């Protein structure tokens, strides 16, 4: 996937993939997100239509992508009152 415009796209693996890898050729690294308790992964990029944090540089948002561990759409979870979901995410990076 190449991000060149506003992106808010949940990626819903049908087989419950537990590990997502983001390969950044420019920075020569791969970032891995190992997750459990989550059947969805959301990738998004704010582009220019959202209010950005005040401490971000003028064009800093153009060089980022956000990856979230979620349970969305057909993977949504309903909880009884007083119950909490258990999601675990381990993030690591390595040189390529």
PDB file of N, CA and C in Angstrom:
ATOM      1  N   UNK A   1       0.844  -1.163   0.000  1.00  0.00           N
ATOM      2  CA  UNK A   1       0.000   0.000   0.000  1.00  0.00           C
ATOM      3  C   UNK A   1       0.896   1.234   0.000  1.00  0.00           C
ATOM      4  N   UNK A   2       0.600   2.180  -0.845  1.00  0.00           N
ATOM      5  CA  UNK A   2       1.289   3.455  -0.875  1.00  0.00           C
ATOM      6  C   UNK A   2       0.298   4.521  -0.449  1.00  0.00           C
ATOM      7  N   UNK A   3       0.678   5.335   0.531  1.00  0.00           N
ATOM      8  CA  UNK A   3      -0.224   6.369   1.032  1.00  0.00           C
ATOM      9  C   UNK A   3       0.120   7.682   0.352  1.00  0.00           C
ATOM     10  N   UNK A   4      -0.810   8.186  -0.470  1.00  0.00           N
ATOM     11  CA  UNK A   4      -0.589   9.461  -1.133  1.00  0.00           C
ATOM     12  C   UNK A   4      -1.823  10.351  -1.080  1.00  0.00           C
ATOM     13  N   UNK A   5      -2.741  10.022  -0.202  1.00  0.00           N
ATOM     14  CA  UNK A   5      -3.921  10.840   0.022  1.00  0.00           C
ATOM     15  C   UNK A   5      -4.514  10.460   1.361  1.00  0.00           C
ATOM     16  N   UNK A   6      -5.560  11.181   1.814  1.00  0.00           N
ATOM     17  CA  UNK A   6      -6.217  10.860   3.077  1.00  0.00           C
ATOM     18  C   UNK A   6      -6.656   9.400   3.042  1.00  0.00           C
ATOM     19  N   UNK A   7      -6.379   8.698   4.118  1.00  0.00           N
ATOM     20  CA  UNK A   7      -6.680   7.275   4.173  1.00  0.00           C
ATOM     21  C   UNK A   7      -7.305   6.941   5.517  1.00  0.00           C
ATOM     22  N   UNK A   8      -8.491   6.404   5.503  1.00  0.00           N
ATOM     23  CA  UNK A   8      -9.119   5.880   6.721  1.00  0.00           C
ATOM     24  C   UNK A   8      -9.776   4.581   6.295  1.00  0.00           C
ATOM     25  N   UNK A   9      -8.997   3.519   6.322  1.00  0.00           N
ATOM     26  CA  UNK A   9      -9.450   2.266   5.749  1.00  0.00           C
ATOM     27  C   UNK A   9      -9.183   1.118   6.711  1.00  0.00           C
ATOM     28  N   UNK A  10     -10.214   0.592   7.357  1.00  0.00           N
ATOM     29  CA  UNK A  10      -9.963  -0.580   8.193  1.00  0.00           C
ATOM     30  C   UNK A  10      -9.645  -1.782   7.303  1.00  0.00           C
ATOM     31  N   UNK A  11      -8.630  -2.488   7.627  1.00  0.00           N
ATOM     32  CA  UNK A  11      -8.269  -3.711   6.924  1.00  0.00           C
ATOM     33  C   UNK A  11      -8.734  -4.861   7.821  1.00  0.00           C
ATOM     34  N   UNK A  12      -9.614  -5.689   7.306  1.00  0.00           N
ATOM     35  CA  UNK A  12     -10.217  -6.733   8.122  1.00  0.00           C
ATOM     36  C   UNK A  12      -9.777  -8.117   7.662  1.00  0.00           C
ATOM     37  N   UNK A  13      -8.721  -8.659   8.236  1.00  0.00           N
ATOM     38  CA  UNK A  13      -8.275  -9.980   7.814  1.00  0.00           C
ATOM     39  C   UNK A  13      -9.312 -11.040   8.155  1.00  0.00           C
ATOM     40  N   UNK A  14      -9.674 -11.855   7.191  1.00  0.00           N
ATOM     41  CA  UNK A  14     -10.683 -12.882   7.398  1.00  0.00           C
ATOM     42  C   UNK A  14     -10.173 -14.019   8.265  1.00  0.00           C
ATOM     43  N   UNK A  15      -8.865 -14.240   8.268  1.00  0.00           N
ATOM     44  CA  UNK A  15      -8.315 -15.359   9.023  1.00  0.00           C
ATOM     45  C   UNK A  15      -7.728 -14.940  10.361  1.00  0.00           C
ATOM     46  N   UNK A  16      -7.993 -13.713  10.804  1.00  0.00           N
ATOM     47  CA  UNK A  16      -7.523 -13.249  12.103  1.00  0.00           C
ATOM     48  C   UNK A  16      -6.015 -13.128  12.207  1.00  0.00           C
ATOM     49  N   UNK A  17      -5.376 -12.598  11.172  1.00  0.00           N
ATOM     50  CA  UNK A  17      -3.919 -12.436  11.169  1.00  0.00           C
ATOM     51  C   UNK A  17      -3.492 -11.672  12.423  1.00  0.00           C
ATOM     52  N   UNK A  18      -2.513 -12.219  13.126  1.00  0.00           N
ATOM     53  CA  UNK A  18      -2.102 -11.651  14.402  1.00  0.00           C
ATOM     54  C   UNK A  18      -0.905 -10.717  14.301  1.00  0.00           C
ATOM     55  N   UNK A  19      -0.185 -10.725  13.179  1.00  0.00           N
ATOM     56  CA  UNK A  19       1.004  -9.890  13.042  1.00  0.00           C
ATOM     57  C   UNK A  19       0.913  -9.055  11.771  1.00  0.00           C
ATOM     58  N   UNK A  20       1.209  -7.767  11.921  1.00  0.00           N
ATOM     59  CA  UNK A  20       1.228  -6.840  10.794  1.00  0.00           C
ATOM     60  C   UNK A  20       2.643  -6.280  10.702  1.00  0.00           C
ATOM     61  N   UNK A  21       3.187  -6.224   9.496  1.00  0.00           N
ATOM     62  CA  UNK A  21       4.525  -5.668   9.296  1.00  0.00           C
ATOM     63  C   UNK A  21       4.431  -4.467   8.366  1.00  0.00           C
ATOM     64  N   UNK A  22       5.081  -3.383   8.744  1.00  0.00           N
ATOM     65  CA  UNK A  22       5.133  -2.169   7.938  1.00  0.00           C
ATOM     66  C   UNK A  22       6.579  -2.014   7.477  1.00  0.00           C
ATOM     67  N   UNK A  23       6.784  -2.108   6.190  1.00  0.00           N
ATOM     68  CA  UNK A  23       8.131  -2.037   5.624  1.00  0.00           C
ATOM     69  C   UNK A  23       8.366  -0.627   5.092  1.00  0.00           C
ATOM     70  N   UNK A  24       9.389   0.030   5.603  1.00  0.00           N
ATOM     71  CA  UNK A  24       9.734   1.382   5.184  1.00  0.00           C
ATOM     72  C   UNK A  24      11.087   1.328   4.482  1.00  0.00           C
ATOM     73  N   UNK A  25      11.034   1.334   3.156  1.00  0.00           N
ATOM     74  CA  UNK A  25      12.269   1.242   2.363  1.00  0.00           C
ATOM     75  C   UNK A  25      13.147   2.475   2.546  1.00  0.00           C
ATOM     76  N   UNK A  26      12.523   3.646   2.678  1.00  0.00           N
ATOM     77  CA  UNK A  26      13.298   4.878   2.800  1.00  0.00           C
ATOM     78  C   UNK A  26      14.127   4.894   4.089  1.00  0.00           C
ATOM     79  N   UNK A  27      13.521   4.462   5.203  1.00  0.00           N
ATOM     80  CA  UNK A  27      14.233   4.435   6.479  1.00  0.00           C
ATOM     81  C   UNK A  27      14.913   3.097   6.748  1.00  0.00           C
ATOM     82  N   UNK A  28      14.793   2.160   5.797  1.00  0.00           N
ATOM     83  CA  UNK A  28      15.442   0.847   5.895  1.00  0.00           C
ATOM     84  C   UNK A  28      15.098   0.125   7.199  1.00  0.00           C
ATOM     85  N   UNK A  29      13.780   0.035   7.485  1.00  0.00           N
ATOM     86  CA  UNK A  29      13.343  -0.672   8.679  1.00  0.00           C
ATOM     87  C   UNK A  29      11.985  -1.316   8.461  1.00  0.00           C
ATOM     88  N   UNK A  30      11.703  -2.284   9.298  1.00  0.00           N
ATOM     89  CA  UNK A  30      10.384  -2.904   9.317  1.00  0.00           C
ATOM     90  C   UNK A  30       9.865  -2.796  10.745  1.00  0.00           C
ATOM     91  N   UNK A  31       8.629  -2.369  10.870  1.00  0.00           N
ATOM     92  CA  UNK A  31       7.973  -2.269  12.169  1.00  0.00           C
ATOM     93  C   UNK A  31       6.938  -3.385  12.222  1.00  0.00           C
ATOM     94  N   UNK A  32       7.002  -4.197  13.266  1.00  0.00           N
ATOM     95  CA  UNK A  32       6.081  -5.321  13.433  1.00  0.00           C
ATOM     96  C   UNK A  32       5.123  -5.027  14.586  1.00  0.00           C
ATOM     97  N   UNK A  33       3.864  -5.362  14.380  1.00  0.00           N
ATOM     98  CA  UNK A  33       2.838  -5.228  15.403  1.00  0.00           C
ATOM     99  C   UNK A  33       2.218  -6.610  15.594  1.00  0.00           C
ATOM    100  N   UNK A  34       2.564  -7.250  16.708  1.00  0.00           N
ATOM    101  CA  UNK A  34       1.996  -8.551  17.040  1.00  0.00           C
ATOM    102  C   UNK A  34       0.834  -8.298  17.988  1.00  0.00           C
ATOM    103  N   UNK A  35      -0.330  -8.862  17.683  1.00  0.00           N
ATOM    104  CA  UNK A  35      -1.504  -8.522  18.466  1.00  0.00           C
ATOM    105  C   UNK A  35      -2.333  -9.753  18.805  1.00  0.00           C
ATOM    106  N   UNK A  36      -3.068  -9.648  19.901  1.00  0.00           N
ATOM    107  CA  UNK A  36      -4.031 -10.675  20.273  1.00  0.00           C
ATOM    108  C   UNK A  36      -5.269  -9.985  20.833  1.00  0.00           C
ATOM    109  N   UNK A  37      -6.412 -10.640  20.710  1.00  0.00           N
ATOM    110  CA  UNK A  37      -7.670 -10.045  21.154  1.00  0.00           C
ATOM    111  C   UNK A  37      -8.242  -9.072  20.139  1.00  0.00           C
ATOM    112  N   UNK A  38      -7.620  -8.986  18.990  1.00  0.00           N
ATOM    113  CA  UNK A  38      -8.040  -8.060  17.938  1.00  0.00           C
ATOM    114  C   UNK A  38      -8.108  -8.803  16.610  1.00  0.00           C
ATOM    115  N   UNK A  39      -9.241  -8.682  15.927  1.00  0.00           N
ATOM    116  CA  UNK A  39      -9.398  -9.336  14.631  1.00  0.00           C
ATOM    117  C   UNK A  39      -9.293  -8.361  13.468  1.00  0.00           C
ATOM    118  N   UNK A  40      -9.156  -7.072  13.757  1.00  0.00           N
ATOM    119  CA  UNK A  40      -9.092  -6.044  12.707  1.00  0.00           C
ATOM    120  C   UNK A  40      -7.836  -5.208  12.878  1.00  0.00           C
ATOM    121  N   UNK A  41      -7.367  -4.658  11.780  1.00  0.00           N
ATOM    122  CA  UNK A  41      -6.267  -3.704  11.805  1.00  0.00           C
ATOM    123  C   UNK A  41      -6.694  -2.509  10.971  1.00  0.00           C
ATOM    124  N   UNK A  42      -6.621  -1.315  11.540  1.00  0.00           N
ATOM    125  CA  UNK A  42      -6.996  -0.101  10.819  1.00  0.00           C
ATOM    126  C   UNK A  42      -5.737   0.680  10.467  1.00  0.00           C
ATOM    127  N   UNK A  43      -5.603   1.027   9.187  1.00  0.00           N
ATOM    128  CA  UNK A  43      -4.516   1.882   8.702  1.00  0.00           C
ATOM    129  C   UNK A  43      -5.148   3.222   8.363  1.00  0.00           C
ATOM    130  N   UNK A  44      -4.534   4.301   8.806  1.00  0.00           N
ATOM    131  CA  UNK A  44      -5.054   5.595   8.395  1.00  0.00           C
ATOM    132  C   UNK A  44      -3.965   6.653   8.403  1.00  0.00           C
ATOM    133  N   UNK A  45      -4.287   7.714   7.694  1.00  0.00           N
ATOM    134  CA  UNK A  45      -3.371   8.824   7.471  1.00  0.00           C
ATOM    135  C   UNK A  45      -4.215  10.092   7.535  1.00  0.00           C
ATOM    136  N   UNK A  46      -3.861  11.097   8.347  1.00  0.00           N
ATOM    137  CA  UNK A  46      -4.738  12.257   8.519  1.00  0.00           C
ATOM    138  C   UNK A  46      -4.817  13.185   7.310  1.00  0.00           C
ATOM    139  N   UNK A  47      -3.822  13.149   6.444  1.00  0.00           N
ATOM    140  CA  UNK A  47      -3.718  14.060   5.309  1.00  0.00           C
ATOM    141  C   UNK A  47      -3.921  15.489   5.782  1.00  0.00           C
ATOM    142  N   UNK A  48      -4.796  16.267   5.208  1.00  0.00           N
ATOM    143  CA  UNK A  48      -4.883  17.679   5.607  1.00  0.00           C
ATOM    144  C   UNK A  48      -6.273  18.119   6.050  1.00  0.00           C
ATOM    145  N   UNK A  49      -7.213  17.201   6.130  1.00  0.00           N
ATOM    146  CA  UNK A  49      -8.586  17.622   6.444  1.00  0.00           C
ATOM    147  C   UNK A  49      -8.913  17.535   7.928  1.00  0.00           C
ATOM    148  N   UNK A  50      -7.994  17.055   8.750  1.00  0.00           N
ATOM    149  CA  UNK A  50      -8.256  16.931  10.173  1.00  0.00           C
ATOM    150  C   UNK A  50      -7.435  17.945  10.951  1.00  0.00           C
ATOM    151  N   UNK A  51      -7.923  18.285  12.156  1.00  0.00           N
ATOM    152  CA  UNK A  51      -7.144  19.152  13.035  1.00  0.00           C
ATOM    153  C   UNK A  51      -5.977  18.337  13.577  1.00  0.00           C
ATOM    154  N   UNK A  52      -4.790  18.844  13.403  1.00  0.00           N
ATOM    155  CA  UNK A  52      -3.581  18.145  13.814  1.00  0.00           C
ATOM    156  C   UNK A  52      -3.078  18.685  15.147  1.00  0.00           C
ATOM    157  N   UNK A  53      -2.316  17.896  15.897  1.00  0.00           N
ATOM    158  CA  UNK A  53      -1.753  18.382  17.162  1.00  0.00           C
ATOM    159  C   UNK A  53      -0.929  19.653  16.942  1.00  0.00           C
ATOM    160  N   UNK A  54      -1.002  20.561  17.888  1.00  0.00           N
ATOM    161  CA  UNK A  54      -0.311  21.849  17.768  1.00  0.00           C
ATOM    162  C   UNK A  54       1.204  21.709  17.710  1.00  0.00           C
ATOM    163  N   UNK A  55       1.752  20.642  18.290  1.00  0.00           N
ATOM    164  CA  UNK A  55       3.206  20.496  18.323  1.00  0.00           C
ATOM    165  C   UNK A  55       3.771  19.811  17.080  1.00  0.00           C
ATOM    166  N   UNK A  56       2.941  19.545  16.074  1.00  0.00           N
ATOM    167  CA  UNK A  56       3.413  18.952  14.820  1.00  0.00           C
ATOM    168  C   UNK A  56       3.903  20.049  13.889  1.00  0.00           C
ATOM    169  N   UNK A  57       4.949  19.757  13.134  1.00  0.00           N
ATOM    170  CA  UNK A  57       5.441  20.689  12.127  1.00  0.00           C
ATOM    171  C   UNK A  57       4.412  20.848  11.007  1.00  0.00           C
ATOM    172  N   UNK A  58       4.581  21.854  10.178  1.00  0.00           N
ATOM    173  CA  UNK A  58       3.628  22.178   9.123  1.00  0.00           C
ATOM    174  C   UNK A  58       3.288  20.994   8.224  1.00  0.00           C
ATOM    175  N   UNK A  59       4.257  20.247   7.777  1.00  0.00           N
ATOM    176  CA  UNK A  59       4.006  19.126   6.869  1.00  0.00           C
ATOM    177  C   UNK A  59       4.346  17.766   7.472  1.00  0.00           C
ATOM    178  N   UNK A  60       4.511  17.722   8.774  1.00  0.00           N
ATOM    179  CA  UNK A  60       4.899  16.475   9.436  1.00  0.00           C
ATOM    180  C   UNK A  60       3.881  15.349   9.205  1.00  0.00           C
ATOM    181  N   UNK A  61       2.617  15.697   9.141  1.00  0.00           N
ATOM    182  CA  UNK A  61       1.569  14.691   8.954  1.00  0.00           C
ATOM    183  C   UNK A  61       1.646  13.995   7.598  1.00  0.00           C
ATOM    184  N   UNK A  62       2.335  14.599   6.634  1.00  0.00           N
ATOM    185  CA  UNK A  62       2.452  13.999   5.311  1.00  0.00           C
ATOM    186  C   UNK A  62       3.391  12.792   5.292  1.00  0.00           C
ATOM    187  N   UNK A  63       4.122  12.597   6.395  1.00  0.00           N
ATOM    188  CA  UNK A  63       5.125  11.537   6.452  1.00  0.00           C
ATOM    189  C   UNK A  63       4.809  10.502   7.527  1.00  0.00           C
ATOM    190  N   UNK A  64       3.535  10.294   7.815  1.00  0.00           N
ATOM    191  CA  UNK A  64       3.169   9.336   8.841  1.00  0.00           C
ATOM    192  C   UNK A  64       2.000   8.487   8.390  1.00  0.00           C
ATOM    193  N   UNK A  65       1.886   7.337   9.003  1.00  0.00           N
ATOM    194  CA  UNK A  65       0.718   6.483   8.849  1.00  0.00           C
ATOM    195  C   UNK A  65       0.451   5.882  10.227  1.00  0.00           C
ATOM    196  N   UNK A  66      -0.783   5.727  10.554  1.00  0.00           N
ATOM    197  CA  UNK A  66      -1.136   5.167  11.851  1.00  0.00           C
ATOM    198  C   UNK A  66      -1.710   3.773  11.640  1.00  0.00           C
ATOM    199  N   UNK A  67      -1.302   2.849  12.492  1.00  0.00           N
ATOM    200  CA  UNK A  67      -1.784   1.475  12.430  1.00  0.00           C
ATOM    201  C   UNK A  67      -2.367   1.153  13.795  1.00  0.00           C
ATOM    202  N   UNK A  68      -3.620   0.721  13.812  1.00  0.00           N
ATOM    203  CA  UNK A  68      -4.304   0.449  15.070  1.00  0.00           C
ATOM    204  C   UNK A  68      -4.820  -0.973  15.127  1.00  0.00           C
ATOM    205  N   UNK A  69      -4.741  -1.556  16.295  1.00  0.00           N
ATOM    206  CA  UNK A  69      -5.320  -2.857  16.568  1.00  0.00           C
ATOM    207  C   UNK A  69      -6.763  -2.614  17.011  1.00  0.00           C
ATOM    208  N   UNK A  70      -7.719  -3.174  16.296  1.00  0.00           N
ATOM    209  CA  UNK A  70      -9.133  -2.890  16.540  1.00  0.00           C
ATOM    210  C   UNK A  70      -9.979  -4.155  16.442  1.00  0.00           C
ATOM    211  N   UNK A  71     -11.240  -4.003  16.794  1.00  0.00           N
ATOM    212  CA  UNK A  71     -12.305  -4.965  16.487  1.00  0.00           C
ATOM    213  C   UNK A  71     -13.439  -4.120  15.918  1.00  0.00           C
ATOM    214  N   UNK A  72     -13.476  -3.958  14.603  1.00  0.00           N
ATOM    215  CA  UNK A  72     -14.450  -3.073  13.967  1.00  0.00           C
ATOM    216  C   UNK A  72     -15.292  -3.828  12.942  1.00  0.00           C
ATOM    217  N   UNK A  73     -16.379  -3.167  12.534  1.00  0.00           N
ATOM    218  CA  UNK A  73     -17.319  -3.695  11.542  1.00  0.00           C
ATOM    219  C   UNK A  73     -17.732  -5.118  11.908  1.00  0.00           C
ATOM    220  N   UNK A  74     -17.532  -6.107  11.039  1.00  0.00           N
ATOM    221  CA  UNK A  74     -18.005  -7.460  11.338  1.00  0.00           C
ATOM    222  C   UNK A  74     -17.262  -8.090  12.519  1.00  0.00           C
ATOM    223  N   UNK A  75     -16.185  -7.484  12.965  1.00  0.00           N
ATOM    224  CA  UNK A  75     -15.433  -7.996  14.110  1.00  0.00           C
ATOM    225  C   UNK A  75     -15.725  -7.255  15.408  1.00  0.00           C
ATOM    226  N   UNK A  76     -16.768  -6.407  15.402  1.00  0.00           N
ATOM    227  CA  UNK A  76     -17.063  -5.627  16.607  1.00  0.00           C
ATOM    228  C   UNK A  76     -17.377  -6.568  17.768  1.00  0.00           C
ATOM    229  N   UNK A  77     -17.108  -6.065  18.974  1.00  0.00           N
ATOM    230  CA  UNK A  77     -17.302  -6.837  20.192  1.00  0.00           C
ATOM    231  C   UNK A  77     -18.316  -6.103  21.063  1.00  0.00           C
ATOM    232  N   UNK A  78     -19.317  -6.815  21.557  1.00  0.00           N
ATOM    233  CA  UNK A  78     -20.290  -6.253  22.494  1.00  0.00           C
ATOM    234  C   UNK A  78     -19.937  -6.748  23.886  1.00  0.00           C
ATOM    235  N   UNK A  79     -19.888  -5.842  24.837  1.00  0.00           N
ATOM    236  CA  UNK A  79     -19.506  -6.192  26.199  1.00  0.00           C
ATOM    237  C   UNK A  79     -20.669  -5.996  27.161  1.00  0.00           C
ATOM    238  N   UNK A  80     -20.763  -6.883  28.123  1.00  0.00           N
ATOM    239  CA  UNK A  80     -21.749  -6.732  29.186  1.00  0.00           C
ATOM    240  C   UNK A  80     -21.298  -5.594  30.101  1.00  0.00           C
ATOM    241  N   UNK A  81     -22.232  -4.963  30.814  1.00  0.00           N
ATOM    242  CA  UNK A  81     -21.845  -3.886  31.741  1.00  0.00           C
ATOM    243  C   UNK A  81     -20.776  -4.362  32.722  1.00  0.00           C
ATOM    244  N   UNK A  82     -19.753  -3.528  32.900  1.00  0.00           N
ATOM    245  CA  UNK A  82     -18.670  -3.829  33.826  1.00  0.00           C
ATOM    246  C   UNK A  82     -17.577  -4.718  33.259  1.00  0.00           C
ATOM    247  N   UNK A  83     -17.728  -5.194  32.054  1.00  0.00           N
ATOM    248  CA  UNK A  83     -16.718  -6.052  31.427  1.00  0.00           C
ATOM    249  C   UNK A  83     -15.771  -5.212  30.570  1.00  0.00           C
ATOM    250  N   UNK A  84     -14.552  -5.701  30.366  1.00  0.00           N
ATOM    251  CA  UNK A  84     -13.547  -5.009  29.564  1.00  0.00           C
ATOM    252  C   UNK A  84     -12.967  -5.957  28.537  1.00  0.00           C
ATOM    253  N   UNK A  85     -12.615  -5.448  27.360  1.00  0.00           N
ATOM    254  CA  UNK A  85     -11.934  -6.295  26.383  1.00  0.00           C
ATOM    255  C   UNK A  85     -10.464  -6.438  26.769  1.00  0.00           C
ATOM    256  N   UNK A  86      -9.843  -7.497  26.336  1.00  0.00           N
ATOM    257  CA  UNK A  86      -8.410  -7.688  26.571  1.00  0.00           C
ATOM    258  C   UNK A  86      -7.728  -7.727  25.215  1.00  0.00           C
ATOM    259  N   UNK A  87      -6.973  -6.680  24.929  1.00  0.00           N
ATOM    260  CA  UNK A  87      -6.191  -6.604  23.704  1.00  0.00           C
ATOM    261  C   UNK A  87      -4.737  -6.434  24.100  1.00  0.00           C
ATOM    262  N   UNK A  88      -3.861  -7.108  23.382  1.00  0.00           N
ATOM    263  CA  UNK A  88      -2.439  -7.014  23.656  1.00  0.00           C
ATOM    264  C   UNK A  88      -1.718  -6.711  22.352  1.00  0.00           C
ATOM    265  N   UNK A  89      -0.800  -5.736  22.389  1.00  0.00           N
ATOM    266  CA  UNK A  89      -0.027  -5.363  21.212  1.00  0.00           C
ATOM    267  C   UNK A  89       1.437  -5.250  21.609  1.00  0.00           C
ATOM    268  N   UNK A  90       2.289  -5.905  20.837  1.00  0.00           N
ATOM    269  CA  UNK A  90       3.741  -5.780  21.016  1.00  0.00           C
ATOM    270  C   UNK A  90       4.287  -5.163  19.731  1.00  0.00           C
ATOM    271  N   UNK A  91       4.943  -4.018  19.848  1.00  0.00           N
ATOM    272  CA  UNK A  91       5.488  -3.315  18.697  1.00  0.00           C
ATOM    273  C   UNK A  91       7.013  -3.417  18.756  1.00  0.00           C
ATOM    274  N   UNK A  92       7.606  -3.779  17.611  1.00  0.00           N
ATOM    275  CA  UNK A  92       9.058  -3.874  17.536  1.00  0.00           C
ATOM    276  C   UNK A  92       9.511  -3.360  16.174  1.00  0.00           C
ATOM    277  N   UNK A  93      10.786  -3.041  16.061  1.00  0.00           N
ATOM    278  CA  UNK A  93      11.322  -2.614  14.776  1.00  0.00           C
ATOM    279  C   UNK A  93      12.701  -3.243  14.582  1.00  0.00           C
ATOM    280  N   UNK A  94      13.049  -3.386  13.316  1.00  0.00           N
ATOM    281  CA  UNK A  94      14.351  -3.974  12.971  1.00  0.00           C
ATOM    282  C   UNK A  94      14.826  -3.375  11.661  1.00  0.00           C
ATOM    283  N   UNK A  95      16.113  -3.348  11.482  1.00  0.00           N
ATOM    284  CA  UNK A  95      16.703  -2.873  10.227  1.00  0.00           C
ATOM    285  C   UNK A  95      16.445  -3.897   9.131  1.00  0.00           C
ATOM    286  N   UNK A  96      16.325  -3.406   7.876  1.00  0.00           N
ATOM    287  CA  UNK A  96      16.185  -4.318   6.736  1.00  0.00           C
ATOM    288  C   UNK A  96      17.379  -4.127   5.809  1.00  0.00           C
TER     289      UNK A  96
END
